[in-house]
Amino acid sequence: MPIIVNLDVMMAKRKMSLNELSAKVDLTLSNLSILKTGKAKAIRFSTLDAICNALDCQPGDILEFKDEG
């Protein structure tokens, strides 16, 4: 899939653990883990908004498009 999820990179830059982010965005650890590993098929804008607020970043810092061609 050409969409790359850089959630782990932003969490490392902000020195935030998965547990801490989970508490801040009110999302389960398993759902955050699925997103972090790139296994998610979709993300709600409200979830993306909460993650961006918690990590003080832009959606483009978390999601990246890589052309497979």
PDB file of N, CA and C in Angstrom:
ATOM      1  N   MET A   1       0.848  -1.183   0.000  1.00  0.00           N
ATOM      2  CA  MET A   1       0.000   0.000   0.000  1.00  0.00           C
ATOM      3  C   MET A   1       0.886   1.236   0.000  1.00  0.00           C
ATOM      4  N   PRO A   2       0.561   2.217  -0.817  1.00  0.00           N
ATOM      5  CA  PRO A   2       1.436   3.383  -0.949  1.00  0.00           C
ATOM      6  C   PRO A   2       1.341   4.409   0.191  1.00  0.00           C
ATOM      7  N   ILE A   3       0.457   4.184   1.163  1.00  0.00           N
ATOM      8  CA  ILE A   3       0.374   5.103   2.299  1.00  0.00           C
ATOM      9  C   ILE A   3       1.222   4.541   3.438  1.00  0.00           C
ATOM     10  N   ILE A   4       2.183   5.321   3.883  1.00  0.00           N
ATOM     11  CA  ILE A   4       3.080   4.933   4.971  1.00  0.00           C
ATOM     12  C   ILE A   4       2.664   5.682   6.234  1.00  0.00           C
ATOM     13  N   VAL A   5       2.559   4.974   7.354  1.00  0.00           N
ATOM     14  CA  VAL A   5       2.193   5.578   8.634  1.00  0.00           C
ATOM     15  C   VAL A   5       3.469   5.777   9.443  1.00  0.00           C
ATOM     16  N   ASN A   6       3.773   7.026   9.750  1.00  0.00           N
ATOM     17  CA  ASN A   6       4.981   7.385  10.507  1.00  0.00           C
ATOM     18  C   ASN A   6       4.662   7.746  11.952  1.00  0.00           C
ATOM     19  N   LEU A   7       3.662   7.097  12.518  1.00  0.00           N
ATOM     20  CA  LEU A   7       3.259   7.398  13.889  1.00  0.00           C
ATOM     21  C   LEU A   7       4.391   7.119  14.875  1.00  0.00           C
ATOM     22  N   ASP A   8       5.106   6.023  14.683  1.00  0.00           N
ATOM     23  CA  ASP A   8       6.201   5.690  15.583  1.00  0.00           C
ATOM     24  C   ASP A   8       7.317   6.733  15.551  1.00  0.00           C
ATOM     25  N   VAL A   9       7.552   7.315  14.377  1.00  0.00           N
ATOM     26  CA  VAL A   9       8.574   8.353  14.240  1.00  0.00           C
ATOM     27  C   VAL A   9       8.179   9.598  15.032  1.00  0.00           C
ATOM     28  N   MET A  10       6.916  10.017  14.886  1.00  0.00           N
ATOM     29  CA  MET A  10       6.456  11.212  15.609  1.00  0.00           C
ATOM     30  C   MET A  10       6.416  10.966  17.113  1.00  0.00           C
ATOM     31  N   MET A  11       6.036   9.768  17.517  1.00  0.00           N
ATOM     32  CA  MET A  11       6.028   9.445  18.952  1.00  0.00           C
ATOM     33  C   MET A  11       7.446   9.505  19.513  1.00  0.00           C
ATOM     34  N   ALA A  12       8.416   9.015  18.764  1.00  0.00           N
ATOM     35  CA  ALA A  12       9.807   9.060  19.215  1.00  0.00           C
ATOM     36  C   ALA A  12      10.308  10.496  19.297  1.00  0.00           C
ATOM     37  N   LYS A  13       9.953  11.324  18.297  1.00  0.00           N
ATOM     38  CA  LYS A  13      10.363  12.731  18.316  1.00  0.00           C
ATOM     39  C   LYS A  13       9.797  13.466  19.520  1.00  0.00           C
ATOM     40  N   ARG A  14       8.581  13.097  19.917  1.00  0.00           N
ATOM     41  CA  ARG A  14       7.914  13.752  21.050  1.00  0.00           C
ATOM     42  C   ARG A  14       8.172  13.031  22.365  1.00  0.00           C
ATOM     43  N   LYS A  15       8.954  11.937  22.296  1.00  0.00           N
ATOM     44  CA  LYS A  15       9.268  11.126  23.479  1.00  0.00           C
ATOM     45  C   LYS A  15       7.988  10.705  24.211  1.00  0.00           C
ATOM     46  N   MET A  16       7.031  10.199  23.439  1.00  0.00           N
ATOM     47  CA  MET A  16       5.757   9.783  23.993  1.00  0.00           C
ATOM     48  C   MET A  16       5.569   8.284  23.775  1.00  0.00           C
ATOM     49  N   SER A  17       5.163   7.602  24.827  1.00  0.00           N
ATOM     50  CA  SER A  17       4.937   6.162  24.734  1.00  0.00           C
ATOM     51  C   SER A  17       3.557   5.873  24.148  1.00  0.00           C
ATOM     52  N   LEU A  18       3.375   4.642  23.730  1.00  0.00           N
ATOM     53  CA  LEU A  18       2.082   4.214  23.201  1.00  0.00           C
ATOM     54  C   LEU A  18       1.013   4.322  24.283  1.00  0.00           C
ATOM     55  N   ASN A  19       1.369   3.977  25.518  1.00  0.00           N
ATOM     56  CA  ASN A  19       0.419   4.085  26.630  1.00  0.00           C
ATOM     57  C   ASN A  19      -0.012   5.530  26.860  1.00  0.00           C
ATOM     58  N   GLU A  20       0.936   6.443  26.822  1.00  0.00           N
ATOM     59  CA  GLU A  20       0.636   7.857  27.040  1.00  0.00           C
ATOM     60  C   GLU A  20      -0.242   8.408  25.915  1.00  0.00           C
ATOM     61  N   LEU A  21       0.097   8.075  24.680  1.00  0.00           N
ATOM     62  CA  LEU A  21      -0.702   8.539  23.549  1.00  0.00           C
ATOM     63  C   LEU A  21      -2.103   7.948  23.608  1.00  0.00           C
ATOM     64  N   SER A  22      -2.202   6.689  23.969  1.00  0.00           N
ATOM     65  CA  SER A  22      -3.493   6.025  24.092  1.00  0.00           C
ATOM     66  C   SER A  22      -4.397   6.756  25.081  1.00  0.00           C
ATOM     67  N   ALA A  23      -3.832   7.152  26.205  1.00  0.00           N
ATOM     68  CA  ALA A  23      -4.610   7.879  27.214  1.00  0.00           C
ATOM     69  C   ALA A  23      -5.019   9.264  26.715  1.00  0.00           C
ATOM     70  N   LYS A  24      -4.130   9.926  25.994  1.00  0.00           N
ATOM     71  CA  LYS A  24      -4.424  11.286  25.526  1.00  0.00           C
ATOM     72  C   LYS A  24      -5.477  11.323  24.423  1.00  0.00           C
ATOM     73  N   VAL A  25      -5.489  10.307  23.554  1.00  0.00           N
ATOM     74  CA  VAL A  25      -6.428  10.327  22.431  1.00  0.00           C
ATOM     75  C   VAL A  25      -7.642   9.440  22.671  1.00  0.00           C
ATOM     76  N   ASP A  26      -7.684   8.776  23.829  1.00  0.00           N
ATOM     77  CA  ASP A  26      -8.801   7.909  24.201  1.00  0.00           C
ATOM     78  C   ASP A  26      -9.035   6.831  23.145  1.00  0.00           C
ATOM     79  N   LEU A  27      -7.947   6.128  22.822  1.00  0.00           N
ATOM     80  CA  LEU A  27      -7.992   5.034  21.857  1.00  0.00           C
ATOM     81  C   LEU A  27      -7.309   3.835  22.507  1.00  0.00           C
ATOM     82  N   THR A  28      -7.794   2.639  22.238  1.00  0.00           N
ATOM     83  CA  THR A  28      -7.204   1.459  22.865  1.00  0.00           C
ATOM     84  C   THR A  28      -5.784   1.241  22.361  1.00  0.00           C
ATOM     85  N   LEU A  29      -4.990   0.572  23.186  1.00  0.00           N
ATOM     86  CA  LEU A  29      -3.623   0.256  22.795  1.00  0.00           C
ATOM     87  C   LEU A  29      -3.595  -0.602  21.537  1.00  0.00           C
ATOM     88  N   SER A  30      -4.520  -1.541  21.438  1.00  0.00           N
ATOM     89  CA  SER A  30      -4.523  -2.419  20.264  1.00  0.00           C
ATOM     90  C   SER A  30      -4.838  -1.651  18.985  1.00  0.00           C
ATOM     91  N   ASN A  31      -5.784  -0.710  19.044  1.00  0.00           N
ATOM     92  CA  ASN A  31      -6.101   0.085  17.856  1.00  0.00           C
ATOM     93  C   ASN A  31      -4.943   1.002  17.473  1.00  0.00           C
ATOM     94  N   LEU A  32      -4.298   1.587  18.462  1.00  0.00           N
ATOM     95  CA  LEU A  32      -3.129   2.429  18.173  1.00  0.00           C
ATOM     96  C   LEU A  32      -1.991   1.590  17.598  1.00  0.00           C
ATOM     97  N   SER A  33      -1.812   0.394  18.117  1.00  0.00           N
ATOM     98  CA  SER A  33      -0.766  -0.488  17.629  1.00  0.00           C
ATOM     99  C   SER A  33      -1.014  -0.880  16.173  1.00  0.00           C
ATOM    100  N   ILE A  34      -2.263  -1.163  15.834  1.00  0.00           N
ATOM    101  CA  ILE A  34      -2.622  -1.491  14.451  1.00  0.00           C
ATOM    102  C   ILE A  34      -2.301  -0.322  13.530  1.00  0.00           C
ATOM    103  N   LEU A  35      -2.606   0.876  13.992  1.00  0.00           N
ATOM    104  CA  LEU A  35      -2.302   2.073  13.199  1.00  0.00           C
ATOM    105  C   LEU A  35      -0.793   2.268  13.076  1.00  0.00           C
ATOM    106  N   LYS A  36      -0.093   2.122  14.181  1.00  0.00           N
ATOM    107  CA  LYS A  36       1.349   2.347  14.214  1.00  0.00           C
ATOM    108  C   LYS A  36       2.109   1.381  13.303  1.00  0.00           C
ATOM    109  N   THR A  37       1.648   0.142  13.225  1.00  0.00           N
ATOM    110  CA  THR A  37       2.336  -0.852  12.405  1.00  0.00           C
ATOM    111  C   THR A  37       1.928  -0.804  10.942  1.00  0.00           C
ATOM    112  N   GLY A  38       0.993   0.085  10.601  1.00  0.00           N
ATOM    113  CA  GLY A  38       0.583   0.230   9.213  1.00  0.00           C
ATOM    114  C   GLY A  38      -0.433  -0.799   8.757  1.00  0.00           C
ATOM    115  N   LYS A  39      -1.024  -1.521   9.679  1.00  0.00           N
ATOM    116  CA  LYS A  39      -1.997  -2.556   9.336  1.00  0.00           C
ATOM    117  C   LYS A  39      -3.427  -2.030   9.241  1.00  0.00           C
ATOM    118  N   ALA A  40      -3.633  -0.774   9.607  1.00  0.00           N
ATOM    119  CA  ALA A  40      -4.979  -0.188   9.558  1.00  0.00           C
ATOM    120  C   ALA A  40      -5.392   0.046   8.116  1.00  0.00           C
ATOM    121  N   LYS A  41      -6.644  -0.178   7.826  1.00  0.00           N
ATOM    122  CA  LYS A  41      -7.184   0.044   6.480  1.00  0.00           C
ATOM    123  C   LYS A  41      -7.769   1.449   6.346  1.00  0.00           C
ATOM    124  N   ALA A  42      -8.069   2.098   7.476  1.00  0.00           N
ATOM    125  CA  ALA A  42      -8.673   3.433   7.463  1.00  0.00           C
ATOM    126  C   ALA A  42      -8.411   4.113   8.798  1.00  0.00           C
ATOM    127  N   ILE A  43      -8.589   5.415   8.811  1.00  0.00           N
ATOM    128  CA  ILE A  43      -8.498   6.183  10.046  1.00  0.00           C
ATOM    129  C   ILE A  43      -9.555   7.286   9.986  1.00  0.00           C
ATOM    130  N   ARG A  44     -10.246   7.466  11.077  1.00  0.00           N
ATOM    131  CA  ARG A  44     -11.250   8.535  11.144  1.00  0.00           C
ATOM    132  C   ARG A  44     -10.537   9.879  11.288  1.00  0.00           C
ATOM    133  N   PHE A  45     -11.127  10.894  10.693  1.00  0.00           N
ATOM    134  CA  PHE A  45     -10.550  12.238  10.827  1.00  0.00           C
ATOM    135  C   PHE A  45     -10.522  12.676  12.284  1.00  0.00           C
ATOM    136  N   SER A  46     -11.510  12.281  13.061  1.00  0.00           N
ATOM    137  CA  SER A  46     -11.527  12.660  14.478  1.00  0.00           C
ATOM    138  C   SER A  46     -10.354  12.020  15.223  1.00  0.00           C
ATOM    139  N   THR A  47     -10.003  10.791  14.851  1.00  0.00           N
ATOM    140  CA  THR A  47      -8.848  10.118  15.459  1.00  0.00           C
ATOM    141  C   THR A  47      -7.555  10.787  15.027  1.00  0.00           C
ATOM    142  N   LEU A  48      -7.452  11.100  13.748  1.00  0.00           N
ATOM    143  CA  LEU A  48      -6.268  11.790  13.232  1.00  0.00           C
ATOM    144  C   LEU A  48      -6.113  13.154  13.898  1.00  0.00           C
ATOM    145  N   ASP A  49      -7.220  13.853  14.085  1.00  0.00           N
ATOM    146  CA  ASP A  49      -7.213  15.149  14.761  1.00  0.00           C
ATOM    147  C   ASP A  49      -6.704  15.005  16.192  1.00  0.00           C
ATOM    148  N   ALA A  50      -7.195  14.007  16.912  1.00  0.00           N
ATOM    149  CA  ALA A  50      -6.776  13.797  18.302  1.00  0.00           C
ATOM    150  C   ALA A  50      -5.292  13.449  18.386  1.00  0.00           C
ATOM    151  N   ILE A  51      -4.816  12.610  17.467  1.00  0.00           N
ATOM    152  CA  ILE A  51      -3.399  12.243  17.454  1.00  0.00           C
ATOM    153  C   ILE A  51      -2.527  13.458  17.144  1.00  0.00           C
ATOM    154  N   CYS A  52      -2.938  14.248  16.162  1.00  0.00           N
ATOM    155  CA  CYS A  52      -2.177  15.455  15.815  1.00  0.00           C
ATOM    156  C   CYS A  52      -2.149  16.445  16.965  1.00  0.00           C
ATOM    157  N   ASN A  53      -3.259  16.588  17.675  1.00  0.00           N
ATOM    158  CA  ASN A  53      -3.286  17.475  18.845  1.00  0.00           C
ATOM    159  C   ASN A  53      -2.357  16.963  19.936  1.00  0.00           C
ATOM    160  N   ALA A  54      -2.395  15.670  20.205  1.00  0.00           N
ATOM    161  CA  ALA A  54      -1.575  15.091  21.264  1.00  0.00           C
ATOM    162  C   ALA A  54      -0.082  15.171  20.937  1.00  0.00           C
ATOM    163  N   LEU A  55       0.263  14.996  19.664  1.00  0.00           N
ATOM    164  CA  LEU A  55       1.669  15.008  19.256  1.00  0.00           C
ATOM    165  C   LEU A  55       2.132  16.364  18.736  1.00  0.00           C
ATOM    166  N   ASP A  56       1.221  17.330  18.699  1.00  0.00           N
ATOM    167  CA  ASP A  56       1.524  18.672  18.203  1.00  0.00           C
ATOM    168  C   ASP A  56       2.194  18.596  16.831  1.00  0.00           C
ATOM    169  N   CYS A  57       1.463  17.992  15.883  1.00  0.00           N
ATOM    170  CA  CYS A  57       1.999  17.828  14.532  1.00  0.00           C
ATOM    171  C   CYS A  57       0.884  17.970  13.506  1.00  0.00           C
ATOM    172  N   GLN A  58       1.240  17.851  12.255  1.00  0.00           N
ATOM    173  CA  GLN A  58       0.302  17.921  11.145  1.00  0.00           C
ATOM    174  C   GLN A  58       0.021  16.506  10.621  1.00  0.00           C
ATOM    175  N   PRO A  59      -1.123  16.290   9.962  1.00  0.00           N
ATOM    176  CA  PRO A  59      -1.411  14.967   9.406  1.00  0.00           C
ATOM    177  C   PRO A  59      -0.304  14.460   8.468  1.00  0.00           C
ATOM    178  N   GLY A  60       0.314  15.360   7.735  1.00  0.00           N
ATOM    179  CA  GLY A  60       1.402  14.980   6.839  1.00  0.00           C
ATOM    180  C   GLY A  60       2.646  14.495   7.564  1.00  0.00           C
ATOM    181  N   ASP A  61       2.753  14.800   8.851  1.00  0.00           N
ATOM    182  CA  ASP A  61       3.869  14.280   9.638  1.00  0.00           C
ATOM    183  C   ASP A  61       3.655  12.812   9.981  1.00  0.00           C
ATOM    184  N   ILE A  62       2.413  12.374   9.960  1.00  0.00           N
ATOM    185  CA  ILE A  62       2.058  11.007  10.324  1.00  0.00           C
ATOM    186  C   ILE A  62       1.820  10.135   9.095  1.00  0.00           C
ATOM    187  N   LEU A  63       1.160  10.695   8.084  1.00  0.00           N
ATOM    188  CA  LEU A  63       0.828   9.938   6.883  1.00  0.00           C
ATOM    189  C   LEU A  63       1.675  10.403   5.712  1.00  0.00           C
ATOM    190  N   GLU A  64       2.206   9.448   4.948  1.00  0.00           N
ATOM    191  CA  GLU A  64       3.075   9.757   3.822  1.00  0.00           C
ATOM    192  C   GLU A  64       2.662   8.899   2.626  1.00  0.00           C
ATOM    193  N   PHE A  65       2.688   9.472   1.452  1.00  0.00           N
ATOM    194  CA  PHE A  65       2.374   8.745   0.224  1.00  0.00           C
ATOM    195  C   PHE A  65       3.657   8.362  -0.488  1.00  0.00           C
ATOM    196  N   LYS A  66       3.805   7.077  -0.796  1.00  0.00           N
ATOM    197  CA  LYS A  66       4.954   6.590  -1.567  1.00  0.00           C
ATOM    198  C   LYS A  66       4.423   5.964  -2.843  1.00  0.00           C
ATOM    199  N   ASP A  67       4.873   6.473  -3.967  1.00  0.00           N
ATOM    200  CA  ASP A  67       4.449   5.941  -5.251  1.00  0.00           C
ATOM    201  C   ASP A  67       5.120   4.581  -5.484  1.00  0.00           C
ATOM    202  N   GLU A  68       4.318   3.580  -5.756  1.00  0.00           N
ATOM    203  CA  GLU A  68       4.860   2.231  -5.953  1.00  0.00           C
ATOM    204  C   GLU A  68       5.337   2.011  -7.384  1.00  0.00           C
ATOM    205  N   GLY A  69       5.105   2.982  -8.247  1.00  0.00           N
ATOM    206  CA  GLY A  69       5.461   2.812  -9.647  1.00  0.00           C
ATOM    207  C   GLY A  69       6.829   3.187  -9.922  1.00  0.00           C
TER     208      GLY A  69
END
